[in-house]
Amino acid sequence: MNELATRVAVALVAIPIVFGLIWLGGWFIGVPLALFAALGTLEVSRLGRKVGAESDRWLAALWAAGLVLSASWLGTYGAWAPWGAGLVALLAPVALVSTMVRSGPDHAPLSRVGVTLLAVLYVGVAFSFAPLLVALPLERGWASPESAGLAGLAVVALPLAATWVGDSSAYFVGSAWGRRRLAPTISPKKSWEGFWAALVGAGVAGAAWSVIVRPVLPGADFGDPWVLGLAGTVLGLAAVVGDLVESLLKREAGVKDSGTFFPGHGGILDRVDSLLFTLPLAYGLLTLTTRFG
C-alpha cells in the first residue's frame, strides 16, 4: 500500500471514530484526549532530545493528561479555570524540584524544565479546550440535554472546518499558483498565495457553519453570517501559525515527522498542530460572538 492510500485508509477509520466519541461526550472523549495529550508531550520531548534538550517527559505527560481529565470532569470553563490555572502554576516548581533531585546542575536543568513546561502548555492546555467545547452548548443553553451529542459535535465542527477547509484551500491554491514563499526557512512549500487562500477558505467555512448549525443550536445567537465568517478567518490565521510553529520545532530537530503514531500521517503533533491553536481560540470566539452578537 503506497503512502497516499495509507493516509486515506487511516483517515477513513479515524474520522468516524473521532466524531462518534465527540457525539458521546463526557469521559468518552475525555479519556482518549488525555491519552493523546500525554503522547503529544512525549513527541515534544522527543524533538527536544534531538537537539540535546532533555525533559522530564513522564511528568509532562502526567500533567497534560491531568489537565484534560480535569476539564472533562468539571465540564465548564468557569469550573475548570481555577483548577487548570492551579495545575499550570504548580508545574514549574514541581518540575524544578524534580530536576534538582533527579538530575542536578550538570544536566542542563534550565533546558530540561523549559522543554517540560513547553510540552504541557503547548499540548496539554490546548487539548483541555476540546471537552470544554463539547460541553459549551449545554453550559450556554444553546441546546437541550436531549440534543447534547449533536450540539457538541456541531460546536467542535467550527475549528475543525476552519482548519481543514483553510488547509485544503492553501494546498490547492499554493500548488497551482504559489510563487512567493511564506516562510522559506521554516516551511519552504508554503506560499503567500496559499496563505491568503487559507484565510478566505476558513472565512467561508465559518460563515457556512453559522448557517448550517442554527437548527442544532437554537439557543445561540451568532449574529449575521459575516460575524462567524470573520471568526473563521481568525481561526484560519491561527491554523497557519500553528502549522508553522510545529514546522519550526521539527526543522530545528531535523526530522520530517514528530512521530509515527499514524501510519502515513506521522505523529500526533503532525495531525493536530493547527488544532492546538484553533481549539482554545474557537472557545473564546464562540463565547464572544454570542455575548456581543
C-alpha atoms as a PDB file:
ATOM      1  CA  MET A   1       0.000   0.000   0.000  1.00  0.00           C
ATOM      2  CA  ASN A   2       1.501   3.347  -1.053  1.00  0.00           C
ATOM      3  CA  GLU A   3       1.702   6.360   1.254  1.00  0.00           C
ATOM      4  CA  LEU A   4      -1.378   8.135  -0.148  1.00  0.00           C
ATOM      5  CA  ALA A   5      -3.517   5.004   0.170  1.00  0.00           C
ATOM      6  CA  THR A   6      -2.303   4.534   3.736  1.00  0.00           C
ATOM      7  CA  ARG A   7      -3.182   8.126   4.625  1.00  0.00           C
ATOM      8  CA  VAL A   8      -6.679   7.762   3.146  1.00  0.00           C
ATOM      9  CA  ALA A   9      -7.271   4.446   4.922  1.00  0.00           C
ATOM     10  CA  VAL A  10      -6.228   5.879   8.291  1.00  0.00           C
ATOM     11  CA  ALA A  11      -8.445   8.943   7.772  1.00  0.00           C
ATOM     12  CA  LEU A  12     -11.467   6.815   6.804  1.00  0.00           C
ATOM     13  CA  VAL A  13     -11.107   4.830  10.019  1.00  0.00           C
ATOM     14  CA  ALA A  14     -10.104   7.646  12.370  1.00  0.00           C
ATOM     15  CA  ILE A  15     -12.615  10.368  11.430  1.00  0.00           C
ATOM     16  CA  PRO A  16     -15.813   8.360  12.184  1.00  0.00           C
ATOM     17  CA  ILE A  17     -14.303   7.212  15.488  1.00  0.00           C
ATOM     18  CA  VAL A  18     -13.450  10.790  16.479  1.00  0.00           C
ATOM     19  CA  PHE A  19     -16.921  12.046  15.552  1.00  0.00           C
ATOM     20  CA  GLY A  20     -18.532   9.169  17.453  1.00  0.00           C
ATOM     21  CA  LEU A  21     -16.556   9.936  20.612  1.00  0.00           C
ATOM     22  CA  ILE A  22     -17.418  13.646  20.357  1.00  0.00           C
ATOM     23  CA  TRP A  23     -21.091  12.704  19.998  1.00  0.00           C
ATOM     24  CA  LEU A  24     -20.934  10.601  23.162  1.00  0.00           C
ATOM     25  CA  GLY A  25     -19.041  13.358  25.015  1.00  0.00           C
ATOM     26  CA  GLY A  26     -18.022  13.177  28.686  1.00  0.00           C
ATOM     27  CA  TRP A  27     -15.404  10.580  29.540  1.00  0.00           C
ATOM     28  CA  PHE A  28     -15.780   9.002  26.100  1.00  0.00           C
ATOM     29  CA  ILE A  29     -13.952  11.990  24.659  1.00  0.00           C
ATOM     30  CA  GLY A  30     -12.036  12.993  27.793  1.00  0.00           C
ATOM     31  CA  VAL A  31     -10.071   9.778  28.327  1.00  0.00           C
ATOM     32  CA  PRO A  32      -8.856   9.376  24.707  1.00  0.00           C
ATOM     33  CA  LEU A  33      -7.971  13.082  24.607  1.00  0.00           C
ATOM     34  CA  ALA A  34      -5.975  12.733  27.832  1.00  0.00           C
ATOM     35  CA  LEU A  35      -4.067   9.826  26.305  1.00  0.00           C
ATOM     36  CA  PHE A  36      -3.401  11.775  23.109  1.00  0.00           C
ATOM     37  CA  ALA A  37      -2.272  14.796  25.114  1.00  0.00           C
ATOM     38  CA  ALA A  38       0.172  12.634  27.059  1.00  0.00           C
ATOM     39  CA  LEU A  39       1.524  11.101  23.852  1.00  0.00           C
ATOM     40  CA  GLY A  40       1.787  14.562  22.298  1.00  0.00           C
ATOM     41  CA  THR A  41       4.003  15.748  25.143  1.00  0.00           C
ATOM     42  CA  LEU A  42       6.230  12.717  24.588  1.00  0.00           C
ATOM     43  CA  GLU A  43       6.639  13.830  20.976  1.00  0.00           C
ATOM     44  CA  VAL A  44       7.675  17.297  22.151  1.00  0.00           C
ATOM     45  CA  SER A  45      10.187  15.648  24.460  1.00  0.00           C
ATOM     46  CA  ARG A  46      11.472  13.598  21.522  1.00  0.00           C
ATOM     47  CA  LEU A  47      12.019  16.756  19.484  1.00  0.00           C
ATOM     48  CA  GLY A  48      13.886  18.310  22.390  1.00  0.00           C
ATOM     49  CA  ARG A  49      16.066  15.243  22.772  1.00  0.00           C
ATOM     50  CA  LYS A  50      17.068  15.506  19.113  1.00  0.00           C
ATOM     51  CA  VAL A  51      18.792  18.819  19.879  1.00  0.00           C
ATOM     52  CA  GLY A  52      20.233  17.728  23.203  1.00  0.00           C
ATOM     53  CA  ALA A  53      17.492  19.248  25.384  1.00  0.00           C
ATOM     54  CA  GLU A  54      16.228  16.577  27.749  1.00  0.00           C
ATOM     55  CA  SER A  55      12.965  16.930  29.673  1.00  0.00           C
ATOM     56  CA  ASP A  56      11.024  15.338  32.488  1.00  0.00           C
ATOM     57  CA  ARG A  57       8.829  13.661  29.892  1.00  0.00           C
ATOM     58  CA  TRP A  58       6.738  11.483  32.183  1.00  0.00           C
ATOM     59  CA  LEU A  59       5.934  14.435  34.426  1.00  0.00           C
ATOM     60  CA  ALA A  60       4.848  16.403  31.349  1.00  0.00           C
ATOM     61  CA  ALA A  61       2.697  13.512  30.116  1.00  0.00           C
ATOM     62  CA  LEU A  62       1.037  13.090  33.516  1.00  0.00           C
ATOM     63  CA  TRP A  63       0.407  16.820  33.871  1.00  0.00           C
ATOM     64  CA  ALA A  64      -1.080  17.182  30.382  1.00  0.00           C
ATOM     65  CA  ALA A  65      -3.371  14.201  30.909  1.00  0.00           C
ATOM     66  CA  GLY A  66      -4.438  15.635  34.264  1.00  0.00           C
ATOM     67  CA  LEU A  67      -5.387  18.952  32.679  1.00  0.00           C
ATOM     68  CA  VAL A  68      -7.563  17.236  30.071  1.00  0.00           C
ATOM     69  CA  LEU A  69      -9.196  14.880  32.565  1.00  0.00           C
ATOM     70  CA  SER A  70      -9.956  17.742  34.946  1.00  0.00           C
ATOM     71  CA  ALA A  71     -11.599  19.687  32.098  1.00  0.00           C
ATOM     72  CA  SER A  72     -13.708  16.633  31.209  1.00  0.00           C
ATOM     73  CA  TRP A  73     -14.679  16.077  34.835  1.00  0.00           C
ATOM     74  CA  LEU A  74     -15.598  19.680  35.668  1.00  0.00           C
ATOM     75  CA  GLY A  75     -17.247  20.290  32.299  1.00  0.00           C
ATOM     76  CA  THR A  76     -17.313  24.075  32.095  1.00  0.00           C
ATOM     77  CA  TYR A  77     -14.605  26.671  31.715  1.00  0.00           C
ATOM     78  CA  GLY A  78     -15.798  28.553  34.802  1.00  0.00           C
ATOM     79  CA  ALA A  79     -15.456  25.439  36.947  1.00  0.00           C
ATOM     80  CA  TRP A  80     -12.217  24.249  35.347  1.00  0.00           C
ATOM     81  CA  ALA A  81     -10.296  27.539  35.110  1.00  0.00           C
ATOM     82  CA  PRO A  82      -9.208  27.734  38.798  1.00  0.00           C
ATOM     83  CA  TRP A  83      -8.112  24.088  38.776  1.00  0.00           C
ATOM     84  CA  GLY A  84      -6.405  24.403  35.404  1.00  0.00           C
ATOM     85  CA  ALA A  85      -4.610  27.563  36.464  1.00  0.00           C
ATOM     86  CA  GLY A  86      -3.553  25.885  39.692  1.00  0.00           C
ATOM     87  CA  LEU A  87      -2.142  22.866  37.867  1.00  0.00           C
ATOM     88  CA  VAL A  88      -0.232  25.108  35.457  1.00  0.00           C
ATOM     89  CA  ALA A  89       1.098  27.240  38.328  1.00  0.00           C
ATOM     90  CA  LEU A  90       2.283  24.161  40.208  1.00  0.00           C
ATOM     91  CA  LEU A  91       4.050  22.686  37.197  1.00  0.00           C
ATOM     92  CA  ALA A  92       7.086  24.965  37.290  1.00  0.00           C
ATOM     93  CA  PRO A  93       8.027  24.374  40.952  1.00  0.00           C
ATOM     94  CA  VAL A  94       7.309  20.647  40.669  1.00  0.00           C
ATOM     95  CA  ALA A  95       9.454  20.387  37.518  1.00  0.00           C
ATOM     96  CA  LEU A  96      12.241  22.382  39.177  1.00  0.00           C
ATOM     97  CA  VAL A  97      12.264  20.185  42.280  1.00  0.00           C
ATOM     98  CA  SER A  98      12.109  17.020  40.170  1.00  0.00           C
ATOM     99  CA  THR A  99      15.039  18.210  38.073  1.00  0.00           C
ATOM    100  CA  MET A 100      17.022  19.203  41.162  1.00  0.00           C
ATOM    101  CA  VAL A 101      16.502  15.799  42.786  1.00  0.00           C
ATOM    102  CA  ARG A 102      16.948  13.630  39.702  1.00  0.00           C
ATOM    103  CA  SER A 103      19.449  15.494  37.535  1.00  0.00           C
ATOM    104  CA  GLY A 104      21.391  18.184  39.341  1.00  0.00           C
ATOM    105  CA  PRO A 105      23.256  21.152  37.830  1.00  0.00           C
ATOM    106  CA  ASP A 106      25.327  19.095  35.391  1.00  0.00           C
ATOM    107  CA  HIS A 107      22.361  18.033  33.235  1.00  0.00           C
ATOM    108  CA  ALA A 108      21.131  21.356  31.806  1.00  0.00           C
ATOM    109  CA  PRO A 109      18.310  21.986  34.312  1.00  0.00           C
ATOM    110  CA  LEU A 110      17.189  25.188  32.553  1.00  0.00           C
ATOM    111  CA  SER A 111      16.534  23.495  29.225  1.00  0.00           C
ATOM    112  CA  ARG A 112      15.127  20.399  30.948  1.00  0.00           C
ATOM    113  CA  VAL A 113      12.496  22.414  32.814  1.00  0.00           C
ATOM    114  CA  GLY A 114      11.888  24.603  29.765  1.00  0.00           C
ATOM    115  CA  VAL A 115      11.018  21.690  27.469  1.00  0.00           C
ATOM    116  CA  THR A 116       8.832  20.149  30.187  1.00  0.00           C
ATOM    117  CA  LEU A 117       6.865  23.385  30.559  1.00  0.00           C
ATOM    118  CA  LEU A 118       6.604  23.829  26.795  1.00  0.00           C
ATOM    119  CA  ALA A 119       5.203  20.323  26.316  1.00  0.00           C
ATOM    120  CA  VAL A 120       2.417  20.840  28.854  1.00  0.00           C
ATOM    121  CA  LEU A 121       1.487  24.389  27.815  1.00  0.00           C
ATOM    122  CA  TYR A 122       1.692  23.646  24.102  1.00  0.00           C
ATOM    123  CA  VAL A 123      -0.222  20.355  24.097  1.00  0.00           C
ATOM    124  CA  GLY A 124      -1.988  19.815  27.418  1.00  0.00           C
ATOM    125  CA  VAL A 125      -3.685  23.188  27.779  1.00  0.00           C
ATOM    126  CA  ALA A 126      -4.836  23.198  24.149  1.00  0.00           C
ATOM    127  CA  PHE A 127      -6.317  19.692  24.336  1.00  0.00           C
ATOM    128  CA  SER A 128      -8.174  20.674  27.507  1.00  0.00           C
ATOM    129  CA  PHE A 129     -10.385  23.003  25.493  1.00  0.00           C
ATOM    130  CA  ALA A 130     -11.784  20.153  23.364  1.00  0.00           C
ATOM    131  CA  PRO A 131     -14.071  18.710  26.104  1.00  0.00           C
ATOM    132  CA  LEU A 132     -14.943  22.269  27.150  1.00  0.00           C
ATOM    133  CA  LEU A 133     -16.064  22.977  23.580  1.00  0.00           C
ATOM    134  CA  VAL A 134     -18.148  19.806  23.505  1.00  0.00           C
ATOM    135  CA  ALA A 135     -19.889  20.871  26.728  1.00  0.00           C
ATOM    136  CA  LEU A 136     -20.305  24.518  25.663  1.00  0.00           C
ATOM    137  CA  PRO A 137     -23.847  24.215  24.179  1.00  0.00           C
ATOM    138  CA  LEU A 138     -25.296  22.905  27.438  1.00  0.00           C
ATOM    139  CA  GLU A 139     -23.283  25.361  29.524  1.00  0.00           C
ATOM    140  CA  ARG A 140     -24.599  28.313  27.493  1.00  0.00           C
ATOM    141  CA  GLY A 141     -28.126  26.985  26.985  1.00  0.00           C
ATOM    142  CA  TRP A 142     -27.725  26.714  23.219  1.00  0.00           C
ATOM    143  CA  ALA A 143     -29.270  23.244  23.102  1.00  0.00           C
ATOM    144  CA  SER A 144     -31.347  20.862  25.216  1.00  0.00           C
ATOM    145  CA  PRO A 145     -29.862  17.870  27.051  1.00  0.00           C
ATOM    146  CA  GLU A 146     -31.605  15.584  24.563  1.00  0.00           C
ATOM    147  CA  SER A 147     -29.608  17.060  21.684  1.00  0.00           C
ATOM    148  CA  ALA A 148     -26.354  17.499  23.612  1.00  0.00           C
ATOM    149  CA  GLY A 149     -24.402  14.996  21.492  1.00  0.00           C
ATOM    150  CA  LEU A 150     -25.255  16.599  18.174  1.00  0.00           C
ATOM    151  CA  ALA A 151     -24.808  20.095  19.613  1.00  0.00           C
ATOM    152  CA  GLY A 152     -21.344  19.265  20.955  1.00  0.00           C
ATOM    153  CA  LEU A 153     -20.349  17.840  17.594  1.00  0.00           C
ATOM    154  CA  ALA A 154     -21.660  20.980  15.872  1.00  0.00           C
ATOM    155  CA  VAL A 155     -19.582  23.278  18.073  1.00  0.00           C
ATOM    156  CA  VAL A 156     -16.367  21.312  17.609  1.00  0.00           C
ATOM    157  CA  ALA A 157     -17.048  21.351  13.869  1.00  0.00           C
ATOM    158  CA  LEU A 158     -16.214  25.084  13.735  1.00  0.00           C
ATOM    159  CA  PRO A 159     -12.458  24.832  14.464  1.00  0.00           C
ATOM    160  CA  LEU A 160     -12.287  21.570  12.526  1.00  0.00           C
ATOM    161  CA  ALA A 161     -13.961  23.071   9.447  1.00  0.00           C
ATOM    162  CA  ALA A 162     -11.978  26.307   9.547  1.00  0.00           C
ATOM    163  CA  THR A 163      -8.733  24.364   9.929  1.00  0.00           C
ATOM    164  CA  TRP A 164      -9.392  21.700   7.296  1.00  0.00           C
ATOM    165  CA  VAL A 165     -11.040  23.936   4.681  1.00  0.00           C
ATOM    166  CA  GLY A 166      -8.359  26.573   5.155  1.00  0.00           C
ATOM    167  CA  ASP A 167      -5.583  23.995   4.862  1.00  0.00           C
ATOM    168  CA  SER A 168      -7.143  22.427   1.757  1.00  0.00           C
ATOM    169  CA  SER A 169      -7.606  25.835   0.141  1.00  0.00           C
ATOM    170  CA  ALA A 170      -3.976  26.687   0.841  1.00  0.00           C
ATOM    171  CA  TYR A 171      -2.802  23.389  -0.611  1.00  0.00           C
ATOM    172  CA  PHE A 172      -4.709  23.625  -3.888  1.00  0.00           C
ATOM    173  CA  VAL A 173      -4.105  27.327  -4.492  1.00  0.00           C
ATOM    174  CA  GLY A 174      -0.488  27.105  -3.413  1.00  0.00           C
ATOM    175  CA  SER A 175       0.137  24.075  -5.632  1.00  0.00           C
ATOM    176  CA  ALA A 176      -1.403  25.777  -8.647  1.00  0.00           C
ATOM    177  CA  TRP A 177      -0.340  29.409  -8.274  1.00  0.00           C
ATOM    178  CA  GLY A 178       2.055  29.648  -5.356  1.00  0.00           C
ATOM    179  CA  ARG A 179       5.113  31.702  -6.259  1.00  0.00           C
ATOM    180  CA  ARG A 180       6.156  33.783  -3.259  1.00  0.00           C
ATOM    181  CA  ARG A 181       7.438  31.779  -0.290  1.00  0.00           C
ATOM    182  CA  LEU A 182       5.720  32.490   3.026  1.00  0.00           C
ATOM    183  CA  ALA A 183       8.404  31.187   5.407  1.00  0.00           C
ATOM    184  CA  PRO A 184      11.172  29.610   3.335  1.00  0.00           C
ATOM    185  CA  THR A 185      13.449  28.777   6.261  1.00  0.00           C
ATOM    186  CA  ILE A 186      10.648  27.062   8.205  1.00  0.00           C
ATOM    187  CA  SER A 187       8.296  25.520   5.640  1.00  0.00           C
ATOM    188  CA  PRO A 188       9.620  26.020   2.090  1.00  0.00           C
ATOM    189  CA  LYS A 189       6.482  24.740   0.339  1.00  0.00           C
ATOM    190  CA  LYS A 190       4.119  27.298   1.873  1.00  0.00           C
ATOM    191  CA  SER A 191       3.347  30.363  -0.230  1.00  0.00           C
ATOM    192  CA  TRP A 192       1.711  33.723   0.333  1.00  0.00           C
ATOM    193  CA  GLU A 193      -0.884  32.787  -2.279  1.00  0.00           C
ATOM    194  CA  GLY A 194      -1.743  29.681  -0.262  1.00  0.00           C
ATOM    195  CA  PHE A 195      -1.821  31.749   2.924  1.00  0.00           C
ATOM    196  CA  TRP A 196      -4.447  34.145   1.580  1.00  0.00           C
ATOM    197  CA  ALA A 197      -6.437  31.218   0.203  1.00  0.00           C
ATOM    198  CA  ALA A 198      -6.385  29.644   3.663  1.00  0.00           C
ATOM    199  CA  LEU A 199      -7.857  32.784   5.223  1.00  0.00           C
ATOM    200  CA  VAL A 200     -10.585  33.012   2.574  1.00  0.00           C
ATOM    201  CA  GLY A 201     -11.411  29.310   2.815  1.00  0.00           C
ATOM    202  CA  ALA A 202     -11.566  29.397   6.608  1.00  0.00           C
ATOM    203  CA  GLY A 203     -13.755  32.519   6.498  1.00  0.00           C
ATOM    204  CA  VAL A 204     -16.190  30.881   4.083  1.00  0.00           C
ATOM    205  CA  ALA A 205     -16.230  27.767   6.297  1.00  0.00           C
ATOM    206  CA  GLY A 206     -17.050  29.885   9.354  1.00  0.00           C
ATOM    207  CA  ALA A 207     -19.892  31.710   7.607  1.00  0.00           C
ATOM    208  CA  ALA A 208     -21.320  28.445   6.235  1.00  0.00           C
ATOM    209  CA  TRP A 209     -21.032  26.847   9.669  1.00  0.00           C
ATOM    210  CA  SER A 210     -23.102  29.615  11.283  1.00  0.00           C
ATOM    211  CA  VAL A 211     -25.938  28.940   8.834  1.00  0.00           C
ATOM    212  CA  ILE A 212     -25.800  25.146   8.933  1.00  0.00           C
ATOM    213  CA  VAL A 213     -25.781  24.752  12.740  1.00  0.00           C
ATOM    214  CA  ARG A 214     -28.577  27.205  13.592  1.00  0.00           C
ATOM    215  CA  PRO A 215     -31.223  24.437  13.836  1.00  0.00           C
ATOM    216  CA  VAL A 216     -28.889  22.381  16.032  1.00  0.00           C
ATOM    217  CA  LEU A 217     -28.077  25.303  18.372  1.00  0.00           C
ATOM    218  CA  PRO A 218     -31.434  27.124  18.643  1.00  0.00           C
ATOM    219  CA  GLY A 219     -30.463  28.983  21.800  1.00  0.00           C
ATOM    220  CA  ALA A 220     -27.355  30.569  20.290  1.00  0.00           C
ATOM    221  CA  ASP A 221     -27.297  33.974  18.615  1.00  0.00           C
ATOM    222  CA  PHE A 222     -24.185  34.209  16.474  1.00  0.00           C
ATOM    223  CA  GLY A 223     -25.381  37.305  14.639  1.00  0.00           C
ATOM    224  CA  ASP A 224     -25.141  37.582  10.855  1.00  0.00           C
ATOM    225  CA  PRO A 225     -23.031  35.012   8.958  1.00  0.00           C
ATOM    226  CA  TRP A 226     -20.281  37.583   8.413  1.00  0.00           C
ATOM    227  CA  VAL A 227     -19.589  37.532  12.161  1.00  0.00           C
ATOM    228  CA  LEU A 228     -18.651  33.843  12.083  1.00  0.00           C
ATOM    229  CA  GLY A 229     -17.015  34.419   8.719  1.00  0.00           C
ATOM    230  CA  LEU A 230     -14.666  36.835  10.431  1.00  0.00           C
ATOM    231  CA  ALA A 231     -14.180  34.351  13.281  1.00  0.00           C
ATOM    232  CA  GLY A 232     -13.372  31.661  10.719  1.00  0.00           C
ATOM    233  CA  THR A 233     -10.759  33.924   9.132  1.00  0.00           C
ATOM    234  CA  VAL A 234      -9.112  34.437  12.529  1.00  0.00           C
ATOM    235  CA  LEU A 235      -9.158  30.676  13.080  1.00  0.00           C
ATOM    236  CA  GLY A 236      -7.611  30.204   9.643  1.00  0.00           C
ATOM    237  CA  LEU A 237      -4.782  32.545  10.610  1.00  0.00           C
ATOM    238  CA  ALA A 238      -4.263  30.660  13.869  1.00  0.00           C
ATOM    239  CA  ALA A 239      -4.192  27.361  11.965  1.00  0.00           C
ATOM    240  CA  VAL A 240      -1.411  28.605   9.683  1.00  0.00           C
ATOM    241  CA  VAL A 241       0.586  29.838  12.675  1.00  0.00           C
ATOM    242  CA  GLY A 242       0.094  26.523  14.466  1.00  0.00           C
ATOM    243  CA  ASP A 243       1.337  24.636  11.426  1.00  0.00           C
ATOM    244  CA  LEU A 244       4.407  26.872  11.147  1.00  0.00           C
ATOM    245  CA  VAL A 245       5.198  26.546  14.857  1.00  0.00           C
ATOM    246  CA  GLU A 246       5.351  22.760  14.645  1.00  0.00           C
ATOM    247  CA  SER A 247       7.392  23.006  11.440  1.00  0.00           C
ATOM    248  CA  LEU A 248       9.809  25.279  13.310  1.00  0.00           C
ATOM    249  CA  LEU A 249      10.279  22.702  16.073  1.00  0.00           C
ATOM    250  CA  LYS A 250      10.756  19.861  13.581  1.00  0.00           C
ATOM    251  CA  ARG A 251      13.147  21.946  11.496  1.00  0.00           C
ATOM    252  CA  GLU A 252      15.416  22.507  14.499  1.00  0.00           C
ATOM    253  CA  ALA A 253      15.194  18.822  15.449  1.00  0.00           C
ATOM    254  CA  GLY A 254      15.997  17.798  11.861  1.00  0.00           C
ATOM    255  CA  VAL A 255      13.034  15.416  11.482  1.00  0.00           C
ATOM    256  CA  LYS A 256      10.261  15.141   8.888  1.00  0.00           C
ATOM    257  CA  ASP A 257       7.560  13.976  11.317  1.00  0.00           C
ATOM    258  CA  SER A 258       7.077  14.452  15.039  1.00  0.00           C
ATOM    259  CA  GLY A 259       6.389  10.731  15.456  1.00  0.00           C
ATOM    260  CA  THR A 260       4.992   7.579  13.837  1.00  0.00           C
ATOM    261  CA  PHE A 261       1.680   7.139  15.661  1.00  0.00           C
ATOM    262  CA  PHE A 262      -0.466   7.368  12.498  1.00  0.00           C
ATOM    263  CA  PRO A 263       0.761   5.228   9.580  1.00  0.00           C
ATOM    264  CA  GLY A 264       1.370   7.508   6.613  1.00  0.00           C
ATOM    265  CA  HIS A 265       0.387  10.578   8.634  1.00  0.00           C
ATOM    266  CA  GLY A 266       3.295  10.969  11.042  1.00  0.00           C
ATOM    267  CA  GLY A 267       2.876  11.725  14.718  1.00  0.00           C
ATOM    268  CA  ILE A 268       0.096  13.192  16.803  1.00  0.00           C
ATOM    269  CA  LEU A 269       1.518  16.703  16.569  1.00  0.00           C
ATOM    270  CA  ASP A 270       1.635  16.393  12.773  1.00  0.00           C
ATOM    271  CA  ARG A 271      -2.145  15.857  12.747  1.00  0.00           C
ATOM    272  CA  VAL A 272      -3.171  18.397  15.391  1.00  0.00           C
ATOM    273  CA  ASP A 273      -0.559  21.162  15.093  1.00  0.00           C
ATOM    274  CA  SER A 274      -3.129  23.668  13.797  1.00  0.00           C
ATOM    275  CA  LEU A 275      -5.851  22.481  16.193  1.00  0.00           C
ATOM    276  CA  LEU A 276      -3.579  23.169  19.166  1.00  0.00           C
ATOM    277  CA  PHE A 277      -4.060  26.836  18.269  1.00  0.00           C
ATOM    278  CA  THR A 278      -7.625  26.806  16.926  1.00  0.00           C
ATOM    279  CA  LEU A 279      -9.368  24.800  19.674  1.00  0.00           C
ATOM    280  CA  PRO A 280      -8.758  27.300  22.520  1.00  0.00           C
ATOM    281  CA  LEU A 281      -9.306  30.233  20.173  1.00  0.00           C
ATOM    282  CA  ALA A 282     -12.620  28.789  18.940  1.00  0.00           C
ATOM    283  CA  TYR A 283     -13.867  28.596  22.523  1.00  0.00           C
ATOM    284  CA  GLY A 284     -13.068  32.262  23.080  1.00  0.00           C
ATOM    285  CA  LEU A 285     -14.509  33.401  19.747  1.00  0.00           C
ATOM    286  CA  LEU A 286     -17.773  31.497  20.215  1.00  0.00           C
ATOM    287  CA  THR A 287     -18.162  32.952  23.676  1.00  0.00           C
ATOM    288  CA  LEU A 288     -17.522  36.466  22.383  1.00  0.00           C
ATOM    289  CA  THR A 289     -19.781  36.233  19.337  1.00  0.00           C
ATOM    290  CA  THR A 290     -22.745  35.002  21.352  1.00  0.00           C
ATOM    291  CA  ARG A 291     -22.164  37.619  24.030  1.00  0.00           C
ATOM    292  CA  PHE A 292     -21.886  40.575  21.685  1.00  0.00           C
ATOM    293  CA  GLY A 293     -23.541  39.238  18.513  1.00  0.00           C
END
